[in-house]
Amino acid sequence: MEVYYQLPVLALDRPVPKHVLGRRGAISLNSNASLFGGRSPRQLSKRRGAISYDRTDQTALFICLLDMRLTGRGIIIKSEKRGGTKLWVDFRLLHNQSGVGCVSGKRHRQHLSLQRYLHPIRGFSNSPALPTGPVAPPPPPQRTLGLLDQQYYGQASVMLKRVASWNFDIFLFDRLTDGETLGCVLQHLFHKYGLIELFGLDPLRFHKFAGLLQEYYYTRNPYHTSVHAADVTQAMCCFLQEPKLAQSLTSWDILLALLGAATHDLSHPGVTQDFLIKSNHYLALLYQDGAVLENHHWKLGVCILRESGLLSHLPVEDRLCFEGRLNSLILATDISKQREFLSRFDAHLKNDDLSMNNGNDRHFILQMALKCADICNPCRPAVISKQWSHMVTQEFFQQGDMERVLWQEISPLCDRHSNDMASIQTDFISFVAEPLFTQWAKFCKSPLSRCMLGNLQENKRYWSGSAP
């Protein structure tokens, strides 16, 4: 049984003078046919369903809404004439990847609407090629339609006013911006800190830079996506508000921190470094099995900076220095160096020899801040933290499934048959997150750091109680 979504196709109410068409006004839509054909144009121009170029005008122009029907043959558009064929738009492709058959029952964010533009999304196949063999990488996701009513910029702007709040819901913000989360967060923070004016950045080049960042985070990954990058960037914004940092950081430090957070996982293939090494991946060969992913993220970030020309107006020495600092910042997120950084941080805290007036000490604190932001999911409120836990576990198990089919040894935490989400999260919090955030709280001694530790303990109790 076919499902039909039908809206009336209505003709223009009356001719509109040319001088009215040239004026500015507002647009509103309504499929209610009872609004059309009223006697008073002045009253109609103030009601929904009309395009009024000026509220003082005596005439109003009414808009035709599309009649949309689901068929199995793609999007069909026909001309509309009185007594002739109707105009049909097939939206089955939004619901069914094959484009044929019955409508899928899977939940989708984007529903019936007027098409606004085609938004290309880079899929898993555009990431660095994984080894081919018995099982090829998953097919790339379909190009989805950006729809007119799916970007709620008003609500998103209201949320951005609270971007420095630790309870910021990045998943809700992602829905409001229709997946443009990273670009919106980064643009707002650059304006918030006045970086556009301070460094004389070209807004068009910044827009290109943000678009390239969004494009090189693969939506096929369950966890390492642009939403994760936006979440890390938002967490870094919260850390920049800490009194010890806010009073000492320079504009260069803030620019470095935000760009480091935004680029720290660029082009992440959704697998671990060990998987790339075992598979003889070209990235592992290129970087000689050392910080493979982090070096890849940094080099791609530098390429995007240069391609967009965001910092091209600055002196060459400054650009090279910035790229070097960005390198050390992103390399600090290598989880294999966790113990090294914790030992160094603990020694500084015991000796109380960190000076925020020293550039090297400030950079070390930024490294620790990025490390905290990168794995801060257990410190978020429980509702948000659980969503991240599901995503990262799904990515682990996805890698384990690939290793099983390729007859490789399954990496720790990646075997869905011998691991469960509760035990994975409990161990991660106990052995990775808790030591790091305990030291961060000792350094900051702020309400935010205490709140993060409280959330961490609450989430740890939840997952400990859920473990078999």
Protein backbone atom coordinates (compact mmCIF):
# COMPACT_ATOMS: atom_id res chain seq x y z
CA MET A 1 0.00 0.00 0.00
CA GLU A 2 1.51 3.31 -1.06
CA VAL A 3 1.62 6.29 1.24
CA TYR A 4 0.68 9.69 -0.15
CA TYR A 5 1.58 13.08 1.26
CA GLN A 6 -0.60 15.58 -0.60
CA LEU A 7 -0.75 19.34 -0.29
CA PRO A 8 -2.96 21.54 -2.49
CA VAL A 9 -1.44 23.34 -5.46
CA LEU A 10 -3.02 26.78 -5.64
CA ALA A 11 -2.76 29.46 -8.26
CA LEU A 12 -1.88 33.09 -7.57
CA ASP A 13 -4.74 34.99 -6.05
CA ARG A 14 -4.47 38.07 -8.25
CA PRO A 15 -1.92 40.02 -10.30
CA VAL A 16 0.60 41.99 -8.30
CA PRO A 17 1.85 45.41 -9.47
CA LYS A 18 5.52 45.66 -10.42
CA HIS A 19 6.21 48.29 -7.78
CA VAL A 20 5.05 45.82 -5.11
CA LEU A 21 7.26 43.04 -6.42
CA GLY A 22 10.31 45.28 -6.01
CA ARG A 23 9.78 45.86 -2.31
CA ARG A 24 11.17 43.93 0.61
CA GLY A 25 8.95 41.95 2.93
CA ALA A 26 8.36 38.68 4.73
CA ILE A 27 7.42 35.18 3.61
CA SER A 28 5.23 32.70 5.45
CA LEU A 29 3.70 29.43 4.28
CA ASN A 30 0.49 27.57 5.03
CA SER A 31 -1.29 24.75 3.23
CA ASN A 32 -4.72 25.85 4.49
CA ALA A 33 -6.75 26.65 1.39
CA SER A 34 -9.36 28.54 3.38
CA LEU A 35 -6.98 31.47 3.63
CA PHE A 36 -7.10 32.06 -0.10
CA GLY A 37 -9.81 33.98 -1.86
CA GLY A 38 -10.74 36.42 0.88
CA ARG A 39 -12.24 39.76 -0.06
CA SER A 40 -9.85 42.01 1.83
CA PRO A 41 -6.25 41.90 0.55
CA ARG A 42 -5.16 43.97 3.56
CA GLN A 43 -6.42 41.30 5.95
CA LEU A 44 -5.02 38.47 3.85
CA SER A 45 -1.57 40.04 3.73
CA LYS A 46 -1.39 39.79 7.51
CA ARG A 47 -2.31 36.09 7.60
CA ARG A 48 -0.23 33.00 7.05
CA GLY A 49 -0.01 31.73 3.50
CA ALA A 50 0.73 35.11 1.94
CA ILE A 51 3.83 36.85 0.73
CA SER A 52 3.49 40.47 1.73
CA TYR A 53 6.18 42.77 0.39
CA ASP A 54 5.02 45.59 2.60
CA ARG A 55 2.47 45.42 5.38
CA THR A 56 0.96 48.71 4.22
CA ASP A 57 0.29 47.45 0.68
CA GLN A 58 -3.26 46.76 -0.44
CA THR A 59 -2.31 43.64 -2.38
CA ALA A 60 -0.73 40.35 -1.44
CA LEU A 61 0.94 37.60 -3.41
CA PHE A 62 0.05 34.04 -2.46
CA ILE A 63 2.48 31.16 -2.82
CA CYS A 64 1.82 27.73 -4.30
CA LEU A 65 2.73 24.74 -2.18
CA LEU A 66 4.00 21.56 -3.77
CA ASP A 67 1.89 18.42 -3.97
CA MET A 68 4.15 15.61 -2.76
CA ARG A 69 3.55 11.95 -3.50
CA LEU A 70 5.66 8.92 -2.63
CA THR A 71 6.29 6.61 -5.56
CA GLY A 72 9.03 4.13 -6.38
CA ARG A 73 10.56 5.92 -9.34
CA GLY A 74 12.54 8.77 -7.90
CA ILE A 75 11.62 12.46 -7.74
CA ILE A 76 9.05 13.38 -10.39
CA ILE A 77 8.12 16.98 -11.11
CA LYS A 78 5.41 17.87 -13.64
CA SER A 79 3.93 21.16 -14.67
CA GLU A 80 0.65 22.25 -13.18
CA LYS A 81 -2.21 23.57 -15.26
CA ARG A 82 -5.89 23.77 -14.57
CA GLY A 83 -7.47 20.50 -15.55
CA GLY A 84 -4.04 19.01 -16.35
CA THR A 85 -1.57 16.84 -14.51
CA LYS A 86 -0.55 17.54 -10.97
CA LEU A 87 2.92 18.23 -9.65
CA TRP A 88 4.45 15.34 -7.76
CA VAL A 89 7.64 15.14 -5.75
CA ASP A 90 8.79 11.68 -4.66
CA PHE A 91 10.53 11.68 -1.28
CA ARG A 92 10.99 7.91 -1.06
CA LEU A 93 14.74 8.41 -1.47
CA LEU A 94 14.78 10.08 1.93
CA HIS A 95 13.44 6.92 3.52
CA ASN A 96 14.83 4.06 1.45
CA GLN A 97 18.46 3.75 0.43
CA SER A 98 17.59 1.59 -2.58
CA GLY A 99 15.00 4.06 -3.81
CA VAL A 100 12.44 1.31 -4.49
CA GLY A 101 9.99 -0.72 -2.50
CA CYS A 102 8.00 0.28 0.52
CA VAL A 103 8.93 3.17 2.75
CA SER A 104 11.41 2.22 5.45
CA GLY A 105 10.28 2.36 9.03
CA LYS A 106 13.65 3.74 10.13
CA ARG A 107 13.53 7.06 11.88
CA HIS A 108 14.90 10.00 9.91
CA ARG A 109 15.59 13.59 10.89
CA GLN A 110 14.53 15.02 7.57
CA HIS A 111 10.90 14.82 6.56
CA LEU A 112 8.74 16.25 3.83
CA SER A 113 9.63 19.76 2.84
CA LEU A 114 10.73 21.90 -0.05
CA GLN A 115 14.19 20.92 -1.21
CA ARG A 116 16.74 23.60 -0.43
CA TYR A 117 20.03 22.24 -1.63
CA LEU A 118 22.03 19.05 -1.97
CA HIS A 119 24.48 18.68 0.89
CA PRO A 120 27.39 16.34 0.10
CA ILE A 121 28.49 14.21 2.98
CA ARG A 122 31.83 12.43 2.89
CA GLY A 123 31.41 8.83 3.85
CA PHE A 124 33.64 6.08 5.07
CA SER A 125 34.79 5.35 1.52
CA ASN A 126 36.42 8.76 1.29
CA SER A 127 38.55 8.11 4.34
CA PRO A 128 42.00 6.55 3.99
CA ALA A 129 41.42 3.21 2.31
CA LEU A 130 41.21 0.30 4.69
CA PRO A 131 42.62 -3.05 3.59
CA THR A 132 40.60 -4.81 0.95
CA GLY A 133 40.03 -8.52 1.10
CA PRO A 134 37.15 -10.80 1.96
CA VAL A 135 35.17 -7.83 3.23
CA ALA A 136 35.23 -4.41 1.61
CA PRO A 137 34.61 -1.25 3.65
CA PRO A 138 30.93 -0.30 4.12
CA PRO A 139 29.41 1.62 1.22
CA PRO A 140 29.32 5.42 1.51
CA PRO A 141 26.11 6.95 2.86
CA GLN A 142 23.67 8.48 0.44
CA ARG A 143 23.77 12.16 -0.29
CA THR A 144 21.04 13.52 1.88
CA LEU A 145 18.81 16.44 1.06
CA GLY A 146 19.19 19.63 3.06
CA LEU A 147 15.61 20.66 3.63
CA LEU A 148 14.18 24.10 4.15
CA ASP A 149 12.62 23.46 7.52
CA GLN A 150 15.46 21.44 9.04
CA GLN A 151 17.80 24.28 9.99
CA TYR A 152 16.41 26.14 12.98
CA TYR A 153 18.90 28.97 13.15
CA GLY A 154 16.85 30.97 15.64
CA GLN A 155 16.84 28.21 18.21
CA ALA A 156 20.50 27.44 17.47
CA SER A 157 21.42 31.07 18.12
CA VAL A 158 19.67 30.92 21.48
CA MET A 159 21.63 27.79 22.39
CA LEU A 160 24.91 29.41 21.39
CA LYS A 161 24.40 32.04 24.07
CA ARG A 162 25.05 29.22 26.55
CA VAL A 163 27.93 27.63 24.66
CA ALA A 164 30.22 28.04 27.68
CA SER A 165 27.86 25.97 29.86
CA TRP A 166 29.03 22.45 30.72
CA ASN A 167 25.45 21.18 30.28
CA PHE A 168 25.42 22.26 26.61
CA ASP A 169 23.54 19.58 24.62
CA ILE A 170 25.62 19.10 21.48
CA PHE A 171 23.20 16.50 20.08
CA LEU A 172 20.26 18.90 20.20
CA PHE A 173 22.43 21.59 18.64
CA ASP A 174 23.40 19.17 15.86
CA ARG A 175 19.73 18.60 15.04
CA LEU A 176 18.99 22.32 15.03
CA THR A 177 21.85 23.04 12.62
CA ASP A 178 21.15 20.01 10.40
CA GLY A 179 24.62 18.58 10.90
CA GLU A 180 26.57 21.85 10.55
CA THR A 181 27.54 21.70 14.22
CA LEU A 182 31.27 22.18 14.01
CA GLY A 183 31.16 25.18 11.67
CA CYS A 184 28.49 26.95 13.72
CA VAL A 185 30.28 26.41 17.04
CA LEU A 186 33.66 27.45 15.65
CA GLN A 187 32.28 30.56 13.96
CA HIS A 188 30.48 31.65 17.13
CA LEU A 189 33.59 31.18 19.28
CA PHE A 190 35.79 33.09 16.86
CA HIS A 191 33.38 36.02 17.09
CA LYS A 192 32.99 35.58 20.85
CA TYR A 193 36.75 35.99 21.39
CA GLY A 194 37.10 38.61 18.65
CA LEU A 195 39.63 36.50 16.73
CA ILE A 196 38.31 37.60 13.34
CA GLU A 197 39.12 41.24 14.10
CA LEU A 198 42.28 40.64 16.16
CA PHE A 199 44.02 38.59 13.47
CA GLY A 200 42.39 40.28 10.48
CA LEU A 201 40.91 37.01 9.22
CA ASP A 202 38.99 37.07 5.96
CA PRO A 203 35.37 35.95 6.70
CA LEU A 204 35.11 34.18 3.32
CA ARG A 205 38.32 32.25 3.91
CA PHE A 206 37.14 31.36 7.40
CA HIS A 207 33.86 30.10 5.93
CA LYS A 208 35.83 27.96 3.46
CA PHE A 209 38.04 26.65 6.27
CA ALA A 210 35.04 25.69 8.43
CA GLY A 211 33.37 23.98 5.47
CA LEU A 212 36.47 21.90 4.73
CA LEU A 213 36.70 20.88 8.39
CA GLN A 214 33.10 19.72 8.34
CA GLU A 215 33.67 17.82 5.12
CA TYR A 216 36.70 15.86 6.34
CA TYR A 217 34.98 14.37 9.36
CA TYR A 218 33.38 11.14 8.18
CA THR A 219 29.72 10.72 9.01
CA ARG A 220 30.02 6.96 8.60
CA ASN A 221 31.88 6.73 11.91
CA PRO A 222 29.63 6.12 14.91
CA TYR A 223 31.80 8.24 17.23
CA HIS A 224 34.63 10.13 15.51
CA THR A 225 32.50 12.60 13.57
CA SER A 226 32.21 16.36 13.33
CA VAL A 227 29.81 16.23 16.31
CA HIS A 228 32.64 14.85 18.44
CA ALA A 229 34.95 17.60 17.16
CA ALA A 230 32.30 20.22 17.98
CA ASP A 231 31.85 18.72 21.44
CA VAL A 232 35.60 18.87 22.09
CA THR A 233 35.70 22.47 20.83
CA GLN A 234 32.81 23.40 23.13
CA ALA A 235 34.56 21.71 26.07
CA MET A 236 37.73 23.64 25.28
CA CYS A 237 35.65 26.83 25.38
CA CYS A 238 34.52 25.89 28.89
CA PHE A 239 38.12 25.29 29.97
CA LEU A 240 39.19 28.64 28.54
CA GLN A 241 36.74 30.23 30.99
CA GLU A 242 38.55 28.75 33.97
CA PRO A 243 40.00 31.63 36.06
CA LYS A 244 43.59 30.35 35.91
CA LEU A 245 43.45 30.20 32.12
CA ALA A 246 41.23 33.20 31.37
CA GLN A 247 43.53 35.58 33.22
CA SER A 248 46.72 34.44 31.47
CA LEU A 249 46.05 33.14 27.96
CA THR A 250 46.95 35.31 24.99
CA SER A 251 44.97 35.63 21.78
CA TRP A 252 47.44 33.28 20.10
CA ASP A 253 46.80 30.70 22.81
CA ILE A 254 43.04 30.94 22.34
CA LEU A 255 43.33 30.68 18.55
CA LEU A 256 45.60 27.65 18.91
CA ALA A 257 43.31 25.97 21.46
CA LEU A 258 40.17 26.34 19.34
CA LEU A 259 41.79 25.23 16.09
CA GLY A 260 43.52 22.34 17.87
CA ALA A 261 40.20 21.13 19.25
CA ALA A 262 38.45 21.50 15.89
CA THR A 263 41.13 19.63 13.92
CA HIS A 264 42.30 17.04 16.45
CA ASP A 265 40.49 14.08 14.81
CA LEU A 266 40.31 15.15 11.16
CA SER A 267 39.74 12.28 8.71
CA HIS A 268 39.58 9.70 11.49
CA PRO A 269 38.93 6.30 9.84
CA GLY A 270 36.98 4.97 12.82
CA VAL A 271 39.62 2.37 13.78
CA THR A 272 42.55 2.40 16.18
CA GLN A 273 46.23 2.87 15.41
CA ASP A 274 46.90 -0.81 16.20
CA PHE A 275 44.42 -1.85 13.53
CA LEU A 276 46.19 0.30 10.95
CA ILE A 277 49.57 -1.16 11.90
CA LYS A 278 48.34 -4.78 11.82
CA SER A 279 46.75 -4.13 8.42
CA ASN A 280 49.89 -2.57 6.92
CA HIS A 281 47.87 0.53 6.17
CA TYR A 282 49.68 3.18 4.15
CA LEU A 283 49.31 5.69 7.01
CA ALA A 284 51.16 3.33 9.34
CA LEU A 285 53.93 2.97 6.77
CA LEU A 286 54.01 6.72 6.17
CA TYR A 287 54.43 7.63 9.85
CA GLN A 288 56.50 4.55 10.72
CA ASP A 289 53.99 3.25 13.27
CA GLY A 290 54.41 6.29 15.53
CA ALA A 291 51.36 8.42 16.50
CA VAL A 292 49.85 7.44 13.14
CA LEU A 293 46.41 8.96 13.59
CA GLU A 294 47.55 12.10 15.39
CA ASN A 295 50.16 12.89 12.72
CA HIS A 296 47.53 12.34 10.05
CA HIS A 297 45.07 14.67 11.80
CA TRP A 298 47.69 17.38 12.16
CA LYS A 299 48.97 17.25 8.60
CA LEU A 300 45.47 17.35 7.17
CA GLY A 301 44.64 20.27 9.45
CA VAL A 302 47.68 22.16 8.17
CA CYS A 303 46.69 21.34 4.58
CA ILE A 304 43.21 22.78 5.17
CA LEU A 305 44.68 25.89 6.79
CA ARG A 306 46.90 26.44 3.76
CA GLU A 307 44.25 25.54 1.18
CA SER A 308 41.71 27.93 2.70
CA GLY A 309 44.36 30.64 3.13
CA LEU A 310 43.00 31.46 6.57
CA LEU A 311 46.39 32.56 7.93
CA SER A 312 48.07 33.35 4.62
CA HIS A 313 48.19 37.10 5.39
CA LEU A 314 50.39 36.51 8.45
CA PRO A 315 54.21 36.45 8.30
CA VAL A 316 55.71 33.12 7.25
CA GLU A 317 57.60 32.76 10.54
CA ASP A 318 54.40 33.18 12.53
CA ARG A 319 52.55 30.63 10.40
CA LEU A 320 55.29 28.02 10.73
CA CYS A 321 55.49 28.59 14.48
CA PHE A 322 51.72 28.22 14.75
CA GLU A 323 51.73 24.98 12.75
CA GLY A 324 54.48 23.57 14.99
CA ARG A 325 52.52 24.44 18.12
CA LEU A 326 49.41 22.88 16.58
CA ASN A 327 51.42 19.73 15.97
CA SER A 328 52.47 19.33 19.60
CA LEU A 329 48.94 20.11 20.75
CA ILE A 330 47.30 17.42 18.61
CA LEU A 331 50.04 14.85 19.32
CA ALA A 332 49.25 15.25 23.03
CA THR A 333 45.90 13.50 22.43
CA ASP A 334 47.71 10.22 21.68
CA ILE A 335 46.31 7.91 24.35
CA SER A 336 49.57 5.94 24.44
CA LYS A 337 51.26 9.02 25.95
CA GLN A 338 48.70 9.33 28.73
CA ARG A 339 50.99 8.06 31.48
CA GLU A 340 53.83 10.33 30.39
CA PHE A 341 51.66 13.45 30.54
CA LEU A 342 50.09 12.45 33.86
CA SER A 343 53.52 11.94 35.45
CA ARG A 344 54.71 15.30 34.19
CA PHE A 345 51.53 17.06 35.33
CA ASP A 346 51.71 15.43 38.76
CA ALA A 347 55.32 16.56 39.18
CA HIS A 348 54.40 20.15 38.32
CA LEU A 349 51.51 20.10 40.78
CA LYS A 350 53.69 18.72 43.59
CA ASN A 351 56.46 21.26 42.95
CA ASP A 352 53.97 24.07 42.31
CA ASP A 353 56.23 25.38 39.56
CA LEU A 354 53.71 26.06 36.77
CA SER A 355 53.79 29.72 35.78
CA MET A 356 51.05 30.94 33.47
CA ASN A 357 53.31 33.84 32.52
CA ASN A 358 55.66 31.35 30.88
CA GLY A 359 54.79 30.46 27.28
CA ASN A 360 55.95 26.85 27.55
CA ASP A 361 53.93 26.28 30.72
CA ARG A 362 50.83 27.80 29.13
CA HIS A 363 51.26 25.49 26.15
CA PHE A 364 51.57 22.48 28.43
CA ILE A 365 48.31 23.47 30.15
CA LEU A 366 46.65 23.75 26.73
CA GLN A 367 47.87 20.23 25.95
CA MET A 368 46.31 18.96 29.18
CA ALA A 369 43.12 20.91 28.44
CA LEU A 370 42.82 19.31 24.99
CA LYS A 371 43.46 15.87 26.47
CA CYS A 372 40.65 16.50 28.97
CA ALA A 373 38.31 17.85 26.29
CA ASP A 374 38.98 14.84 24.05
CA ILE A 375 37.81 12.28 26.63
CA CYS A 376 35.42 14.43 28.67
CA ASN A 377 32.33 12.37 27.80
CA PRO A 378 32.19 10.60 31.21
CA CYS A 379 32.21 14.04 32.86
CA ARG A 380 29.11 15.23 31.03
CA PRO A 381 25.61 15.00 32.54
CA ALA A 382 24.33 11.42 32.50
CA VAL A 383 21.85 11.92 29.64
CA ILE A 384 24.55 13.22 27.30
CA SER A 385 27.28 10.90 28.55
CA LYS A 386 25.24 7.77 27.86
CA GLN A 387 24.76 8.75 24.24
CA TRP A 388 28.51 9.08 23.78
CA SER A 389 29.03 5.74 25.49
CA HIS A 390 26.73 4.01 23.02
CA MET A 391 28.52 5.63 20.07
CA VAL A 392 32.08 4.80 21.10
CA THR A 393 31.14 1.21 21.99
CA GLN A 394 29.48 0.81 18.61
CA GLU A 395 32.68 1.99 16.91
CA PHE A 396 34.78 -0.45 18.96
CA PHE A 397 32.53 -3.36 18.05
CA GLN A 398 32.47 -2.31 14.41
CA GLN A 399 36.27 -2.60 14.32
CA GLY A 400 36.11 -5.97 16.08
CA ASP A 401 33.71 -7.27 13.44
CA MET A 402 36.15 -6.23 10.69
CA GLU A 403 39.06 -7.89 12.49
CA ARG A 404 37.08 -11.11 12.89
CA VAL A 405 36.26 -11.32 9.20
CA LEU A 406 39.87 -10.47 8.22
CA TRP A 407 41.14 -13.24 10.54
CA GLN A 408 43.04 -10.78 12.68
CA GLU A 409 43.43 -10.85 16.43
CA ILE A 410 40.55 -8.87 17.87
CA SER A 411 41.73 -5.74 19.67
CA PRO A 412 40.93 -5.20 23.37
CA LEU A 413 37.40 -3.86 24.00
CA CYS A 414 36.39 -4.58 20.38
CA ASP A 415 34.90 -8.06 20.72
CA ARG A 416 31.14 -7.73 21.06
CA HIS A 417 30.90 -11.36 22.24
CA SER A 418 33.21 -11.00 25.23
CA ASN A 419 32.77 -7.31 26.14
CA ASP A 420 29.78 -5.23 27.14
CA MET A 421 29.21 -1.52 27.28
CA ALA A 422 29.00 -1.31 31.07
CA SER A 423 32.35 -3.00 31.71
CA ILE A 424 34.04 -0.99 28.93
CA GLN A 425 32.84 2.29 30.38
CA THR A 426 33.65 1.31 33.96
CA ASP A 427 37.23 0.38 33.07
CA PHE A 428 37.72 3.49 30.92
CA ILE A 429 36.51 5.79 33.69
CA SER A 430 38.57 4.04 36.37
CA PHE A 431 41.89 3.73 34.54
CA VAL A 432 41.89 6.55 31.99
CA ALA A 433 39.45 9.37 32.74
CA GLU A 434 39.45 9.52 36.54
CA PRO A 435 43.24 9.95 37.03
CA LEU A 436 43.33 12.70 34.39
CA PHE A 437 40.39 14.70 35.68
CA THR A 438 41.47 14.32 39.29
CA GLN A 439 44.73 16.09 38.47
CA TRP A 440 42.92 18.68 36.35
CA ALA A 441 40.66 19.47 39.31
CA LYS A 442 43.71 19.89 41.56
CA PHE A 443 45.10 22.43 39.11
CA CYS A 444 41.92 24.42 38.43
CA LYS A 445 40.26 24.25 41.85
CA SER A 446 37.08 25.65 40.30
CA PRO A 447 33.34 24.91 40.48
CA LEU A 448 33.47 23.52 36.94
CA SER A 449 36.22 21.01 37.74
CA ARG A 450 34.32 19.87 40.84
CA CYS A 451 31.13 19.53 38.78
CA MET A 452 32.99 17.41 36.23
CA LEU A 453 34.32 15.10 38.93
CA GLY A 454 30.83 14.79 40.39
CA ASN A 455 29.39 13.78 37.02
CA LEU A 456 32.27 11.35 36.55
CA GLN A 457 31.54 9.59 39.82
CA GLU A 458 27.83 9.47 39.09
CA ASN A 459 28.39 7.91 35.68
CA LYS A 460 30.90 5.47 37.13
CA ARG A 461 28.34 4.30 39.71
CA TYR A 462 25.75 3.89 36.97
CA TRP A 463 27.95 1.73 34.76
CA SER A 464 29.32 -0.24 37.72
CA GLY A 465 25.78 -1.11 38.72
CA SER A 466 24.91 -2.09 35.15
CA ALA A 467 27.91 -4.39 34.69
CA PRO A 468 27.10 -8.12 34.81
